[in-house]
Amino acid sequence: MAQARKKPEEETEETIGLHNLAPAPGSRKDRKRVGRGHGSGHGKTSGRGHKGYGSRAGAKDRARFEGGQNPIHMRMRKLRGPNKKMSMPFEMFRTHTQPVNLDDLEARFDSGASVDLDALHGAGLATRKGIPVKVLARGELTKPLTVHAHGFSKSAREKIESAGGTCQLIEA
């Protein structure tokens, strides 16, 4: 009897399943077996070199260790707490105003309204006491509003005035 011969693509096609899953060749390495003789490449000092701190048992290379030089956490000023003006060197990130955007004014105030600091606070905007308010130009304004604030961005002033409103600068 003549046997049916398989087609060439059927012979090379292999089904993928749990029985033939394996990591990619070269992706897994054997662990380093130290102290197993000179021929292993990790004999004698077991990859620790000669003498020194790193050769000792229990030696740790701490995350904040800088090779013996005075580390950064000891070089910093010792004034504590982020709420003091000059305590930590984060002055370049400090915000000296609280922003209010035009889309917030559009959503919360009616046409012709006078928007002062009390109205902003009542609407849930500019809630931090004693910090100047600056109006920024994110969003569009379609209503004429009289806006009182400590500062206005150039484009915010243009948008408010083009909508028929006015900008009143508060002197602090």
N, C-alpha and C. Protein backbone atom coordinates (compact mmCIF):
# COMPACT_ATOMS: atom_id res chain seq x y z
N MET A 1 0.82 -1.18 0.00
CA MET A 1 0.00 0.00 0.00
C MET A 1 0.86 1.24 0.00
N ALA A 2 0.44 2.19 -0.76
CA ALA A 2 1.21 3.43 -0.84
C ALA A 2 0.71 4.38 0.26
N GLN A 3 1.68 4.95 1.01
CA GLN A 3 1.31 5.89 2.08
C GLN A 3 1.18 7.29 1.49
N ALA A 4 0.25 8.04 2.06
CA ALA A 4 0.07 9.43 1.61
C ALA A 4 1.25 10.25 2.11
N ARG A 5 1.88 10.98 1.20
CA ARG A 5 3.06 11.76 1.55
C ARG A 5 2.61 13.14 2.06
N LYS A 6 3.28 13.63 3.16
CA LYS A 6 2.93 14.95 3.72
C LYS A 6 3.44 16.03 2.79
N LYS A 7 2.71 17.14 2.77
CA LYS A 7 3.14 18.29 1.99
C LYS A 7 4.31 18.96 2.72
N PRO A 8 5.20 19.64 1.99
CA PRO A 8 6.39 20.25 2.63
C PRO A 8 6.03 21.28 3.71
N GLU A 9 4.96 22.08 3.54
CA GLU A 9 4.64 23.08 4.57
C GLU A 9 4.10 22.44 5.83
N GLU A 10 3.48 21.27 5.74
CA GLU A 10 2.99 20.58 6.93
C GLU A 10 4.14 20.04 7.76
N GLU A 11 5.23 19.67 7.12
CA GLU A 11 6.38 19.12 7.85
C GLU A 11 7.06 20.20 8.69
N THR A 12 7.17 21.42 8.15
CA THR A 12 7.89 22.48 8.86
C THR A 12 7.02 23.22 9.85
N GLU A 13 5.71 23.18 9.69
CA GLU A 13 4.83 23.91 10.59
C GLU A 13 4.80 23.22 11.95
N GLU A 14 5.01 24.04 13.00
CA GLU A 14 5.06 23.48 14.35
C GLU A 14 4.00 24.18 15.20
N THR A 15 3.24 23.41 15.94
CA THR A 15 2.22 24.02 16.79
C THR A 15 2.88 24.58 18.05
N ILE A 16 2.38 25.74 18.49
CA ILE A 16 2.92 26.36 19.68
C ILE A 16 2.03 25.99 20.85
N GLY A 17 2.64 25.55 21.94
CA GLY A 17 1.90 25.17 23.12
C GLY A 17 2.81 25.18 24.33
N LEU A 18 2.26 24.83 25.47
CA LEU A 18 3.04 24.81 26.69
C LEU A 18 4.18 23.80 26.64
N HIS A 19 4.06 22.79 25.78
CA HIS A 19 5.08 21.75 25.73
C HIS A 19 6.35 22.21 25.02
N ASN A 20 6.29 23.27 24.23
CA ASN A 20 7.50 23.68 23.50
C ASN A 20 7.86 25.15 23.71
N LEU A 21 7.39 25.76 24.81
CA LEU A 21 7.79 27.13 25.12
C LEU A 21 9.18 27.12 25.74
N ALA A 22 10.03 28.04 25.33
CA ALA A 22 11.39 28.13 25.88
C ALA A 22 11.85 29.58 25.74
N PRO A 23 12.71 30.04 26.64
CA PRO A 23 13.24 31.39 26.48
C PRO A 23 14.10 31.51 25.23
N ALA A 24 14.24 32.71 24.73
CA ALA A 24 15.04 32.94 23.52
C ALA A 24 16.48 32.53 23.77
N PRO A 25 17.15 32.01 22.77
CA PRO A 25 18.54 31.58 22.96
C PRO A 25 19.41 32.77 23.35
N GLY A 26 20.20 32.59 24.42
CA GLY A 26 21.11 33.64 24.88
C GLY A 26 20.49 34.61 25.85
N SER A 27 19.18 34.46 26.15
CA SER A 27 18.55 35.41 27.06
C SER A 27 18.74 35.03 28.52
N ARG A 28 19.10 33.80 28.80
CA ARG A 28 19.30 33.35 30.18
C ARG A 28 20.76 32.96 30.38
N LYS A 29 21.34 33.41 31.49
CA LYS A 29 22.72 33.05 31.80
C LYS A 29 22.74 32.25 33.09
N ASP A 30 23.71 31.35 33.20
CA ASP A 30 23.90 30.62 34.46
C ASP A 30 24.41 31.58 35.52
N ARG A 31 24.09 31.31 36.79
CA ARG A 31 24.56 32.18 37.84
C ARG A 31 26.06 32.02 38.01
N LYS A 32 26.70 33.06 38.56
CA LYS A 32 28.14 33.03 38.79
C LYS A 32 28.42 32.15 40.00
N ARG A 33 29.19 31.08 39.80
CA ARG A 33 29.54 30.19 40.91
C ARG A 33 30.93 30.58 41.39
N VAL A 34 30.99 31.34 42.49
CA VAL A 34 32.27 31.86 42.96
C VAL A 34 32.93 30.88 43.92
N GLY A 35 34.25 30.97 44.00
CA GLY A 35 35.00 30.14 44.95
C GLY A 35 35.05 28.68 44.56
N ARG A 36 35.06 28.38 43.26
CA ARG A 36 35.10 26.98 42.81
C ARG A 36 36.41 26.66 42.09
N GLY A 37 37.48 27.34 42.47
CA GLY A 37 38.79 27.00 41.91
C GLY A 37 39.22 27.94 40.81
N HIS A 38 40.55 27.92 40.51
CA HIS A 38 41.13 28.84 39.56
C HIS A 38 40.56 28.66 38.16
N GLY A 39 40.26 27.46 37.78
CA GLY A 39 39.79 27.21 36.41
C GLY A 39 38.44 27.82 36.12
N SER A 40 37.68 28.12 37.15
CA SER A 40 36.34 28.66 36.93
C SER A 40 36.37 30.13 36.55
N GLY A 41 37.49 30.80 36.80
CA GLY A 41 37.56 32.23 36.55
C GLY A 41 37.09 33.06 37.73
N HIS A 42 36.53 32.41 38.74
CA HIS A 42 36.09 33.11 39.95
C HIS A 42 36.61 32.39 41.18
N GLY A 43 37.84 31.97 41.15
CA GLY A 43 38.43 31.29 42.30
C GLY A 43 39.16 32.28 43.19
N LYS A 44 39.90 31.78 44.14
CA LYS A 44 40.72 32.55 45.08
C LYS A 44 39.93 33.66 45.75
N THR A 45 39.92 34.89 45.22
CA THR A 45 39.24 35.99 45.91
C THR A 45 37.77 36.09 45.51
N SER A 46 37.30 35.21 44.66
CA SER A 46 35.89 35.11 44.29
C SER A 46 35.33 36.39 43.70
N GLY A 47 36.10 37.08 42.87
CA GLY A 47 35.63 38.26 42.18
C GLY A 47 35.60 39.52 43.03
N ARG A 48 36.14 39.46 44.26
CA ARG A 48 36.10 40.63 45.14
C ARG A 48 37.37 41.45 45.07
N GLY A 49 38.38 41.03 44.35
CA GLY A 49 39.64 41.76 44.30
C GLY A 49 40.46 41.52 45.56
N HIS A 50 41.50 42.32 45.76
CA HIS A 50 42.38 42.16 46.92
C HIS A 50 42.14 43.24 47.94
N LYS A 51 41.95 42.87 49.18
CA LYS A 51 41.81 43.78 50.32
C LYS A 51 40.72 44.84 50.08
N GLY A 52 40.71 45.88 50.88
CA GLY A 52 39.75 46.95 50.70
C GLY A 52 38.38 46.63 51.27
N TYR A 53 37.55 47.67 51.32
CA TYR A 53 36.23 47.55 51.94
C TYR A 53 35.35 46.55 51.22
N GLY A 54 35.40 46.55 49.89
CA GLY A 54 34.52 45.68 49.13
C GLY A 54 34.86 44.20 49.23
N SER A 55 36.05 43.88 49.74
CA SER A 55 36.42 42.47 49.86
C SER A 55 35.95 41.86 51.16
N ARG A 56 35.52 42.70 52.10
CA ARG A 56 35.16 42.20 53.43
C ARG A 56 33.74 41.62 53.45
N ALA A 57 33.52 40.72 54.37
CA ALA A 57 32.18 40.17 54.55
C ALA A 57 31.27 41.24 55.11
N GLY A 58 30.06 41.32 54.59
CA GLY A 58 29.09 42.29 55.09
C GLY A 58 29.25 43.68 54.51
N ALA A 59 30.16 43.87 53.54
CA ALA A 59 30.35 45.19 52.94
C ALA A 59 29.14 45.54 52.09
N LYS A 60 28.64 46.75 52.28
CA LYS A 60 27.47 47.19 51.52
C LYS A 60 27.84 48.42 50.73
N ASP A 61 27.35 48.51 49.49
CA ASP A 61 27.53 49.72 48.69
C ASP A 61 26.21 50.47 48.77
N ARG A 62 26.11 51.41 49.71
CA ARG A 62 24.85 52.10 49.97
C ARG A 62 24.48 53.00 48.80
N ALA A 63 23.20 53.27 48.66
CA ALA A 63 22.72 54.11 47.56
C ALA A 63 23.26 55.53 47.69
N ARG A 64 23.42 56.02 48.91
CA ARG A 64 23.88 57.40 49.09
C ARG A 64 25.39 57.51 49.27
N PHE A 65 26.12 56.41 49.10
CA PHE A 65 27.57 56.42 49.28
C PHE A 65 28.24 57.01 48.04
N GLU A 66 29.16 57.96 48.24
CA GLU A 66 29.79 58.66 47.12
C GLU A 66 31.29 58.44 47.11
N GLY A 67 31.75 57.25 47.46
CA GLY A 67 33.17 56.94 47.36
C GLY A 67 34.01 57.61 48.41
N GLY A 68 33.42 58.03 49.50
CA GLY A 68 34.19 58.63 50.58
C GLY A 68 34.11 60.14 50.62
N GLN A 69 33.73 60.79 49.50
CA GLN A 69 33.58 62.25 49.57
C GLN A 69 32.33 62.58 50.36
N ASN A 70 32.27 63.81 50.83
CA ASN A 70 31.13 64.24 51.66
C ASN A 70 29.84 64.10 50.83
N PRO A 71 28.92 63.23 51.25
CA PRO A 71 27.74 62.97 50.42
C PRO A 71 26.78 64.16 50.39
N ILE A 72 25.90 64.14 49.39
CA ILE A 72 25.05 65.31 49.13
C ILE A 72 24.11 65.60 50.29
N HIS A 73 23.65 64.58 51.00
CA HIS A 73 22.73 64.84 52.10
C HIS A 73 23.44 65.50 53.28
N MET A 74 24.77 65.45 53.31
CA MET A 74 25.51 66.15 54.35
C MET A 74 26.00 67.52 53.86
N ARG A 75 26.07 67.70 52.54
CA ARG A 75 26.50 69.00 52.00
C ARG A 75 25.37 70.01 51.98
N MET A 76 24.13 69.54 52.05
CA MET A 76 22.97 70.44 51.99
C MET A 76 22.87 71.29 53.25
N ARG A 77 22.12 72.41 53.13
CA ARG A 77 21.84 73.24 54.29
C ARG A 77 20.96 72.48 55.26
N LYS A 78 21.07 72.81 56.54
CA LYS A 78 20.39 72.02 57.56
C LYS A 78 19.08 72.65 58.03
N LEU A 79 18.56 73.65 57.31
CA LEU A 79 17.27 74.22 57.66
C LEU A 79 16.18 73.27 57.19
N ARG A 80 15.26 72.95 58.07
CA ARG A 80 14.31 71.88 57.74
C ARG A 80 12.93 72.42 57.37
N GLY A 81 12.22 71.66 56.59
CA GLY A 81 10.81 71.92 56.30
C GLY A 81 10.60 72.70 55.03
N PRO A 82 9.68 72.25 54.17
CA PRO A 82 9.44 72.92 52.90
C PRO A 82 8.66 74.22 53.03
N ASN A 83 8.11 74.52 54.22
CA ASN A 83 7.27 75.70 54.36
C ASN A 83 8.07 76.94 54.72
N LYS A 84 9.36 76.79 55.03
CA LYS A 84 10.17 77.96 55.31
C LYS A 84 10.75 78.46 54.00
N LYS A 85 10.85 79.78 53.87
CA LYS A 85 11.17 80.36 52.57
C LYS A 85 12.48 79.87 51.98
N MET A 86 13.52 79.80 52.79
CA MET A 86 14.83 79.42 52.25
C MET A 86 15.32 78.09 52.83
N SER A 87 14.40 77.20 53.20
CA SER A 87 14.83 76.00 53.91
C SER A 87 15.55 75.00 53.01
N MET A 88 14.97 74.63 51.92
CA MET A 88 15.57 73.65 51.03
C MET A 88 15.76 74.29 49.66
N PRO A 89 16.67 73.78 48.86
CA PRO A 89 16.99 74.45 47.59
C PRO A 89 15.96 74.17 46.50
N PHE A 90 14.69 74.49 46.77
CA PHE A 90 13.63 74.27 45.79
C PHE A 90 13.01 75.59 45.36
N GLU A 91 13.71 76.70 45.59
CA GLU A 91 13.15 78.01 45.28
C GLU A 91 12.78 78.14 43.80
N MET A 92 13.54 77.50 42.91
CA MET A 92 13.25 77.66 41.49
C MET A 92 11.92 77.03 41.11
N PHE A 93 11.37 76.15 41.96
CA PHE A 93 10.10 75.52 41.66
C PHE A 93 8.95 76.17 42.41
N ARG A 94 9.23 77.14 43.28
CA ARG A 94 8.20 77.76 44.10
C ARG A 94 7.28 78.62 43.23
N THR A 95 5.98 78.51 43.44
CA THR A 95 5.01 79.33 42.72
C THR A 95 4.59 80.47 43.63
N HIS A 96 4.71 81.69 43.14
CA HIS A 96 4.38 82.85 43.97
C HIS A 96 2.99 83.39 43.66
N THR A 97 2.27 82.78 42.73
CA THR A 97 0.90 83.18 42.43
C THR A 97 0.04 81.93 42.33
N GLN A 98 -1.27 82.12 42.43
CA GLN A 98 -2.17 81.00 42.17
C GLN A 98 -2.93 81.27 40.88
N PRO A 99 -2.92 80.30 39.97
CA PRO A 99 -3.49 80.55 38.64
C PRO A 99 -5.01 80.36 38.61
N VAL A 100 -5.65 81.18 37.77
CA VAL A 100 -7.06 81.03 37.45
C VAL A 100 -7.16 81.13 35.93
N ASN A 101 -7.75 80.16 35.29
CA ASN A 101 -7.83 80.14 33.83
C ASN A 101 -9.17 80.66 33.34
N LEU A 102 -9.18 81.09 32.08
CA LEU A 102 -10.39 81.67 31.49
C LEU A 102 -11.52 80.65 31.40
N ASP A 103 -11.19 79.38 31.14
CA ASP A 103 -12.27 78.38 31.05
C ASP A 103 -12.97 78.19 32.40
N ASP A 104 -12.24 78.43 33.51
CA ASP A 104 -12.87 78.38 34.84
C ASP A 104 -13.83 79.55 35.01
N LEU A 105 -13.42 80.74 34.56
CA LEU A 105 -14.28 81.92 34.66
C LEU A 105 -15.53 81.75 33.79
N GLU A 106 -15.33 81.19 32.59
CA GLU A 106 -16.46 80.95 31.66
C GLU A 106 -17.50 80.03 32.29
N ALA A 107 -17.03 78.98 32.98
CA ALA A 107 -17.95 77.99 33.53
C ALA A 107 -18.67 78.47 34.79
N ARG A 108 -18.04 79.37 35.57
CA ARG A 108 -18.58 79.69 36.89
C ARG A 108 -19.28 81.05 37.02
N PHE A 109 -19.10 81.94 36.05
CA PHE A 109 -19.66 83.28 36.20
C PHE A 109 -20.59 83.63 35.05
N ASP A 110 -21.63 84.44 35.37
CA ASP A 110 -22.61 84.87 34.37
C ASP A 110 -22.10 86.10 33.63
N SER A 111 -22.75 86.41 32.53
CA SER A 111 -22.37 87.57 31.71
C SER A 111 -22.53 88.86 32.50
N GLY A 112 -21.52 89.73 32.43
CA GLY A 112 -21.57 91.02 33.09
C GLY A 112 -21.19 90.98 34.56
N ALA A 113 -20.81 89.86 35.08
CA ALA A 113 -20.48 89.74 36.50
C ALA A 113 -19.16 90.41 36.81
N SER A 114 -19.03 90.86 38.06
CA SER A 114 -17.78 91.42 38.55
C SER A 114 -17.05 90.31 39.30
N VAL A 115 -15.90 89.95 38.80
CA VAL A 115 -15.16 88.82 39.38
C VAL A 115 -14.01 89.38 40.22
N ASP A 116 -14.21 89.43 41.55
CA ASP A 116 -13.14 89.87 42.43
C ASP A 116 -12.64 88.69 43.25
N LEU A 117 -11.76 88.95 44.21
CA LEU A 117 -11.15 87.85 44.97
C LEU A 117 -12.18 87.08 45.78
N ASP A 118 -13.17 87.79 46.36
CA ASP A 118 -14.21 87.12 47.15
C ASP A 118 -15.06 86.23 46.26
N ALA A 119 -15.38 86.71 45.05
CA ALA A 119 -16.19 85.91 44.12
C ALA A 119 -15.41 84.69 43.66
N LEU A 120 -14.12 84.86 43.41
CA LEU A 120 -13.29 83.72 43.01
C LEU A 120 -13.24 82.68 44.13
N HIS A 121 -13.06 83.15 45.37
CA HIS A 121 -13.00 82.23 46.50
C HIS A 121 -14.33 81.50 46.68
N GLY A 122 -15.43 82.23 46.52
CA GLY A 122 -16.76 81.62 46.65
C GLY A 122 -17.04 80.59 45.56
N ALA A 123 -16.40 80.77 44.39
CA ALA A 123 -16.60 79.83 43.28
C ALA A 123 -15.62 78.66 43.33
N GLY A 124 -14.78 78.61 44.39
CA GLY A 124 -13.84 77.50 44.53
C GLY A 124 -12.54 77.72 43.78
N LEU A 125 -12.32 78.94 43.32
CA LEU A 125 -11.05 79.28 42.66
C LEU A 125 -10.26 80.18 43.59
N ALA A 126 -8.96 80.22 43.45
CA ALA A 126 -8.10 81.10 44.25
C ALA A 126 -8.41 80.94 45.73
N THR A 127 -8.28 79.74 46.25
CA THR A 127 -8.69 79.44 47.62
C THR A 127 -7.58 79.67 48.65
N ARG A 128 -6.33 79.88 48.22
CA ARG A 128 -5.24 80.07 49.19
C ARG A 128 -5.16 81.54 49.60
N LYS A 129 -5.19 81.75 50.91
CA LYS A 129 -5.22 83.13 51.43
C LYS A 129 -3.85 83.77 51.30
N GLY A 130 -3.83 85.05 50.98
CA GLY A 130 -2.61 85.83 50.98
C GLY A 130 -1.68 85.58 49.81
N ILE A 131 -2.08 84.76 48.85
CA ILE A 131 -1.25 84.49 47.68
C ILE A 131 -1.88 85.18 46.48
N PRO A 132 -1.11 85.97 45.74
CA PRO A 132 -1.68 86.73 44.62
C PRO A 132 -2.30 85.82 43.56
N VAL A 133 -3.31 86.36 42.88
CA VAL A 133 -4.03 85.61 41.84
C VAL A 133 -3.61 86.13 40.48
N LYS A 134 -3.28 85.21 39.58
CA LYS A 134 -2.95 85.59 38.21
C LYS A 134 -3.90 84.88 37.26
N VAL A 135 -4.48 85.63 36.33
CA VAL A 135 -5.42 85.06 35.35
C VAL A 135 -4.62 84.63 34.13
N LEU A 136 -4.79 83.36 33.74
CA LEU A 136 -4.09 82.78 32.60
C LEU A 136 -5.08 82.49 31.48
N ALA A 137 -4.57 82.27 30.27
CA ALA A 137 -5.42 82.30 29.07
C ALA A 137 -5.87 80.93 28.58
N ARG A 138 -5.85 79.89 29.40
CA ARG A 138 -6.33 78.60 28.92
C ARG A 138 -7.84 78.64 28.74
N GLY A 139 -8.31 78.25 27.60
CA GLY A 139 -9.74 78.25 27.33
C GLY A 139 -10.18 79.52 26.62
N GLU A 140 -11.48 79.60 26.35
CA GLU A 140 -12.05 80.76 25.65
C GLU A 140 -13.05 81.45 26.56
N LEU A 141 -13.22 82.76 26.36
CA LEU A 141 -14.18 83.54 27.13
C LEU A 141 -15.15 84.19 26.15
N THR A 142 -16.46 83.97 26.37
CA THR A 142 -17.48 84.53 25.46
C THR A 142 -18.32 85.59 26.14
N LYS A 143 -18.18 85.77 27.47
CA LYS A 143 -19.02 86.71 28.22
C LYS A 143 -18.20 87.93 28.61
N PRO A 144 -18.82 89.09 28.64
CA PRO A 144 -18.09 90.26 29.17
C PRO A 144 -18.04 90.20 30.70
N LEU A 145 -16.85 90.15 31.27
CA LEU A 145 -16.66 90.08 32.71
C LEU A 145 -15.72 91.20 33.14
N THR A 146 -15.93 91.71 34.35
CA THR A 146 -14.98 92.64 34.95
C THR A 146 -14.15 91.82 35.94
N VAL A 147 -12.89 91.61 35.60
CA VAL A 147 -12.05 90.69 36.38
C VAL A 147 -11.04 91.50 37.19
N HIS A 148 -11.03 91.28 38.51
CA HIS A 148 -10.06 91.91 39.41
C HIS A 148 -9.04 90.84 39.82
N ALA A 149 -7.75 91.09 39.55
CA ALA A 149 -6.71 90.12 39.92
C ALA A 149 -5.39 90.85 40.09
N HIS A 150 -4.43 90.16 40.68
CA HIS A 150 -3.09 90.74 40.90
C HIS A 150 -2.26 90.74 39.62
N GLY A 151 -2.59 89.84 38.68
CA GLY A 151 -1.84 89.79 37.44
C GLY A 151 -2.64 89.14 36.33
N PHE A 152 -2.30 89.46 35.10
CA PHE A 152 -2.94 88.88 33.92
C PHE A 152 -1.84 88.52 32.93
N SER A 153 -1.97 87.37 32.29
CA SER A 153 -1.05 87.09 31.19
C SER A 153 -1.50 87.95 30.01
N LYS A 154 -0.56 88.19 29.11
CA LYS A 154 -0.83 89.08 27.98
C LYS A 154 -2.01 88.57 27.15
N SER A 155 -2.00 87.25 26.86
CA SER A 155 -3.07 86.69 26.02
C SER A 155 -4.39 86.64 26.78
N ALA A 156 -4.35 86.47 28.12
CA ALA A 156 -5.59 86.46 28.90
C ALA A 156 -6.23 87.85 28.87
N ARG A 157 -5.42 88.89 29.00
CA ARG A 157 -5.93 90.27 28.93
C ARG A 157 -6.58 90.53 27.58
N GLU A 158 -5.93 90.07 26.49
CA GLU A 158 -6.49 90.26 25.15
C GLU A 158 -7.83 89.55 24.99
N LYS A 159 -7.91 88.31 25.50
CA LYS A 159 -9.15 87.54 25.35
C LYS A 159 -10.29 88.16 26.16
N ILE A 160 -9.99 88.64 27.37
CA ILE A 160 -11.04 89.26 28.21
C ILE A 160 -11.56 90.52 27.55
N GLU A 161 -10.63 91.34 27.04
CA GLU A 161 -11.05 92.61 26.43
C GLU A 161 -11.75 92.39 25.09
N SER A 162 -11.36 91.34 24.34
CA SER A 162 -12.04 91.06 23.07
C SER A 162 -13.45 90.53 23.29
N ALA A 163 -13.71 89.93 24.48
CA ALA A 163 -15.05 89.46 24.80
C ALA A 163 -15.92 90.59 25.36
N GLY A 164 -15.35 91.80 25.48
CA GLY A 164 -16.12 92.93 25.97
C GLY A 164 -15.95 93.20 27.45
N GLY A 165 -15.03 92.50 28.11
CA GLY A 165 -14.82 92.68 29.54
C GLY A 165 -13.67 93.64 29.81
N THR A 166 -13.40 93.84 31.13
CA THR A 166 -12.30 94.70 31.53
C THR A 166 -11.42 93.98 32.54
N CYS A 167 -10.14 94.39 32.59
CA CYS A 167 -9.18 93.82 33.53
C CYS A 167 -8.80 94.88 34.54
N GLN A 168 -9.07 94.63 35.81
CA GLN A 168 -8.71 95.55 36.88
C GLN A 168 -7.55 94.95 37.68
N LEU A 169 -6.41 95.67 37.73
CA LEU A 169 -5.22 95.20 38.43
C LEU A 169 -5.32 95.57 39.91
N ILE A 170 -5.12 94.59 40.77
CA ILE A 170 -5.13 94.82 42.22
C ILE A 170 -3.69 95.07 42.65
N GLU A 171 -3.45 96.17 43.34
CA GLU A 171 -2.10 96.44 43.86
C GLU A 171 -1.97 95.76 45.21
N ALA A 172 -0.96 94.92 45.36
CA ALA A 172 -0.81 94.17 46.61
C ALA A 172 0.17 94.84 47.53
